């Protein structure tokens, strides 16, 4: 995908952060590698950016961010299928986390696009 694709053009132009235990540098433009104390680094990004930060991928990173109250909103797509196993997004935790549904949109294929925020 080149810059003639609107999605690629957007991704190429925005700041990106990669949390990694092994990478020290990234070749993709506007990309910063986060090593060490990722929680402190994400807090600092949230404090200075003032814009929406989206996280794609890592369930391990998601667990870390949730444990430190660094997730402001959850976008969860519920697909109409049942799997017998796999990685859980919400793992066992001693801390109860209540969420408030703020939006739900069904698609023509039966997928529900749900948006939740931590309930106060």
C-alpha atoms as a PDB file:
ATOM      1  CA  UNK A   1       0.000   0.000   0.000  1.00  0.00           C
ATOM      2  CA  UNK A   2       1.410   3.312  -1.007  1.00  0.00           C
ATOM      3  CA  UNK A   3       0.446   6.865  -0.215  1.00  0.00           C
ATOM      4  CA  UNK A   4      -2.226   6.699  -2.929  1.00  0.00           C
ATOM      5  CA  UNK A   5      -4.249   4.524  -0.520  1.00  0.00           C
ATOM      6  CA  UNK A   6      -6.016   6.852   1.999  1.00  0.00           C
ATOM      7  CA  UNK A   7      -5.591   4.396   4.898  1.00  0.00           C
ATOM      8  CA  UNK A   8      -1.875   3.926   4.178  1.00  0.00           C
ATOM      9  CA  UNK A   9      -1.405   7.678   3.737  1.00  0.00           C
ATOM     10  CA  UNK A  10      -2.959   8.291   7.160  1.00  0.00           C
ATOM     11  CA  UNK A  11      -0.900   5.569   8.886  1.00  0.00           C
ATOM     12  CA  UNK A  12       2.302   6.821   7.281  1.00  0.00           C
ATOM     13  CA  UNK A  13       1.685  10.391   8.443  1.00  0.00           C
ATOM     14  CA  UNK A  14       0.706   9.882  12.102  1.00  0.00           C
ATOM     15  CA  UNK A  15       2.966   9.250  15.080  1.00  0.00           C
ATOM     16  CA  UNK A  16       3.271   5.559  15.876  1.00  0.00           C
ATOM     17  CA  UNK A  17       4.638   3.879  18.989  1.00  0.00           C
ATOM     18  CA  UNK A  18       5.817   0.292  19.180  1.00  0.00           C
ATOM     19  CA  UNK A  19       6.150  -1.299  22.627  1.00  0.00           C
ATOM     20  CA  UNK A  20       8.864  -3.919  22.371  1.00  0.00           C
ATOM     21  CA  UNK A  21      11.117  -5.959  24.606  1.00  0.00           C
ATOM     22  CA  UNK A  22      13.611  -6.564  21.797  1.00  0.00           C
ATOM     23  CA  UNK A  23      13.391  -3.808  19.128  1.00  0.00           C
ATOM     24  CA  UNK A  24      15.546  -0.747  19.563  1.00  0.00           C
ATOM     25  CA  UNK A  25      14.636   1.129  16.393  1.00  0.00           C
ATOM     26  CA  UNK A  26      11.966   1.097  13.716  1.00  0.00           C
ATOM     27  CA  UNK A  27      12.258   1.927  10.031  1.00  0.00           C
ATOM     28  CA  UNK A  28       8.619   2.976   9.472  1.00  0.00           C
ATOM     29  CA  UNK A  29       8.378   6.779   9.316  1.00  0.00           C
ATOM     30  CA  UNK A  30       7.114   8.586  12.424  1.00  0.00           C
ATOM     31  CA  UNK A  31       7.640   5.486  14.588  1.00  0.00           C
ATOM     32  CA  UNK A  32       9.095   5.509  18.110  1.00  0.00           C
ATOM     33  CA  UNK A  33      10.045   2.320  19.923  1.00  0.00           C
ATOM     34  CA  UNK A  34       9.033   2.174  23.598  1.00  0.00           C
ATOM     35  CA  UNK A  35      11.376   0.105  25.770  1.00  0.00           C
ATOM     36  CA  UNK A  36      11.613  -0.216  29.531  1.00  0.00           C
ATOM     37  CA  UNK A  37       8.811   1.317  31.586  1.00  0.00           C
ATOM     38  CA  UNK A  38       6.041   1.297  28.994  1.00  0.00           C
ATOM     39  CA  UNK A  39       3.434   2.424  31.547  1.00  0.00           C
ATOM     40  CA  UNK A  40       5.342   5.648  32.293  1.00  0.00           C
ATOM     41  CA  UNK A  41       5.976   6.241  28.592  1.00  0.00           C
ATOM     42  CA  UNK A  42       2.315   5.783  27.629  1.00  0.00           C
ATOM     43  CA  UNK A  43       1.279   8.112  30.480  1.00  0.00           C
ATOM     44  CA  UNK A  44       3.673  10.736  29.144  1.00  0.00           C
ATOM     45  CA  UNK A  45       2.332  10.339  25.600  1.00  0.00           C
ATOM     46  CA  UNK A  46      -1.257  10.679  26.827  1.00  0.00           C
ATOM     47  CA  UNK A  47      -0.329  13.797  28.824  1.00  0.00           C
ATOM     48  CA  UNK A  48       1.367  15.621  25.952  1.00  0.00           C
ATOM     49  CA  UNK A  49      -0.437  14.463  22.831  1.00  0.00           C
ATOM     50  CA  UNK A  50      -3.972  15.612  23.554  1.00  0.00           C
ATOM     51  CA  UNK A  51      -5.217  13.440  20.717  1.00  0.00           C
ATOM     52  CA  UNK A  52      -6.722  10.008  20.438  1.00  0.00           C
ATOM     53  CA  UNK A  53      -4.299   7.137  20.907  1.00  0.00           C
ATOM     54  CA  UNK A  54      -5.321   3.820  19.387  1.00  0.00           C
ATOM     55  CA  UNK A  55      -3.759   0.509  20.269  1.00  0.00           C
ATOM     56  CA  UNK A  56      -3.712  -2.310  17.766  1.00  0.00           C
ATOM     57  CA  UNK A  57      -2.507  -5.811  18.426  1.00  0.00           C
ATOM     58  CA  UNK A  58      -0.843  -6.953  21.605  1.00  0.00           C
ATOM     59  CA  UNK A  59      -3.145  -8.437  24.218  1.00  0.00           C
ATOM     60  CA  UNK A  60      -0.212  -8.352  26.665  1.00  0.00           C
ATOM     61  CA  UNK A  61       0.126  -4.592  26.227  1.00  0.00           C
ATOM     62  CA  UNK A  62      -3.651  -4.201  26.533  1.00  0.00           C
ATOM     63  CA  UNK A  63      -3.569  -6.065  29.856  1.00  0.00           C
ATOM     64  CA  UNK A  64      -0.768  -3.818  31.114  1.00  0.00           C
ATOM     65  CA  UNK A  65      -2.576  -0.629  30.087  1.00  0.00           C
ATOM     66  CA  UNK A  66      -5.852  -1.822  31.644  1.00  0.00           C
ATOM     67  CA  UNK A  67      -4.110  -2.728  34.907  1.00  0.00           C
ATOM     68  CA  UNK A  68      -2.786   0.838  35.155  1.00  0.00           C
ATOM     69  CA  UNK A  69      -6.060   2.590  34.199  1.00  0.00           C
ATOM     70  CA  UNK A  70      -4.624   3.869  30.929  1.00  0.00           C
ATOM     71  CA  UNK A  71      -7.558   2.767  28.735  1.00  0.00           C
ATOM     72  CA  UNK A  72     -10.189   5.474  28.276  1.00  0.00           C
ATOM     73  CA  UNK A  73     -12.348   3.619  25.777  1.00  0.00           C
ATOM     74  CA  UNK A  74     -12.763   0.089  24.462  1.00  0.00           C
ATOM     75  CA  UNK A  75     -13.848  -0.589  20.870  1.00  0.00           C
ATOM     76  CA  UNK A  76     -14.908  -4.214  20.765  1.00  0.00           C
ATOM     77  CA  UNK A  77     -16.264  -6.007  17.712  1.00  0.00           C
ATOM     78  CA  UNK A  78     -18.393  -9.021  18.604  1.00  0.00           C
ATOM     79  CA  UNK A  79     -18.478 -11.519  15.742  1.00  0.00           C
ATOM     80  CA  UNK A  80     -21.268 -14.093  15.357  1.00  0.00           C
ATOM     81  CA  UNK A  81     -19.138 -17.176  15.937  1.00  0.00           C
ATOM     82  CA  UNK A  82     -18.073 -19.255  18.900  1.00  0.00           C
ATOM     83  CA  UNK A  83     -14.523 -20.505  19.412  1.00  0.00           C
ATOM     84  CA  UNK A  84     -13.643 -23.131  21.974  1.00  0.00           C
ATOM     85  CA  UNK A  85     -10.271 -21.655  22.908  1.00  0.00           C
ATOM     86  CA  UNK A  86      -7.971 -18.718  22.405  1.00  0.00           C
ATOM     87  CA  UNK A  87      -6.452 -15.760  24.200  1.00  0.00           C
ATOM     88  CA  UNK A  88      -8.785 -13.847  26.465  1.00  0.00           C
ATOM     89  CA  UNK A  89      -8.812 -10.070  26.288  1.00  0.00           C
ATOM     90  CA  UNK A  90     -10.124  -9.734  29.826  1.00  0.00           C
ATOM     91  CA  UNK A  91      -8.124 -12.112  31.974  1.00  0.00           C
ATOM     92  CA  UNK A  92      -8.751 -13.091  35.571  1.00  0.00           C
ATOM     93  CA  UNK A  93      -8.165 -10.115  37.826  1.00  0.00           C
ATOM     94  CA  UNK A  94      -8.697  -9.250  41.459  1.00  0.00           C
ATOM     95  CA  UNK A  95      -9.892  -5.792  40.431  1.00  0.00           C
ATOM     96  CA  UNK A  96     -13.485  -5.433  39.222  1.00  0.00           C
ATOM     97  CA  UNK A  97     -13.685  -3.163  36.191  1.00  0.00           C
ATOM     98  CA  UNK A  98     -17.155  -1.936  35.314  1.00  0.00           C
ATOM     99  CA  UNK A  99     -17.720  -0.656  31.801  1.00  0.00           C
ATOM    100  CA  UNK A 100     -20.470   1.556  30.421  1.00  0.00           C
ATOM    101  CA  UNK A 101     -21.807   0.903  26.909  1.00  0.00           C
ATOM    102  CA  UNK A 102     -21.757   4.221  25.023  1.00  0.00           C
ATOM    103  CA  UNK A 103     -22.488   2.992  21.504  1.00  0.00           C
ATOM    104  CA  UNK A 104     -23.462  -0.196  19.691  1.00  0.00           C
ATOM    105  CA  UNK A 105     -23.826  -0.557  15.952  1.00  0.00           C
ATOM    106  CA  UNK A 106     -24.813  -3.788  14.213  1.00  0.00           C
ATOM    107  CA  UNK A 107     -23.361  -4.447  10.766  1.00  0.00           C
ATOM    108  CA  UNK A 108     -25.093  -6.201   7.887  1.00  0.00           C
ATOM    109  CA  UNK A 109     -23.022  -9.327   8.619  1.00  0.00           C
ATOM    110  CA  UNK A 110     -24.177  -9.542  12.241  1.00  0.00           C
ATOM    111  CA  UNK A 111     -21.044  -8.104  13.809  1.00  0.00           C
ATOM    112  CA  UNK A 112     -21.718  -5.737  16.709  1.00  0.00           C
ATOM    113  CA  UNK A 113     -19.378  -2.750  16.954  1.00  0.00           C
ATOM    114  CA  UNK A 114     -19.476  -1.788  20.630  1.00  0.00           C
ATOM    115  CA  UNK A 115     -17.856   1.148  22.394  1.00  0.00           C
ATOM    116  CA  UNK A 116     -17.387   1.041  26.157  1.00  0.00           C
ATOM    117  CA  UNK A 117     -15.859   3.444  28.650  1.00  0.00           C
ATOM    118  CA  UNK A 118     -14.821   2.712  32.200  1.00  0.00           C
ATOM    119  CA  UNK A 119     -17.809   3.405  34.461  1.00  0.00           C
ATOM    120  CA  UNK A 120     -17.142   5.957  37.163  1.00  0.00           C
END
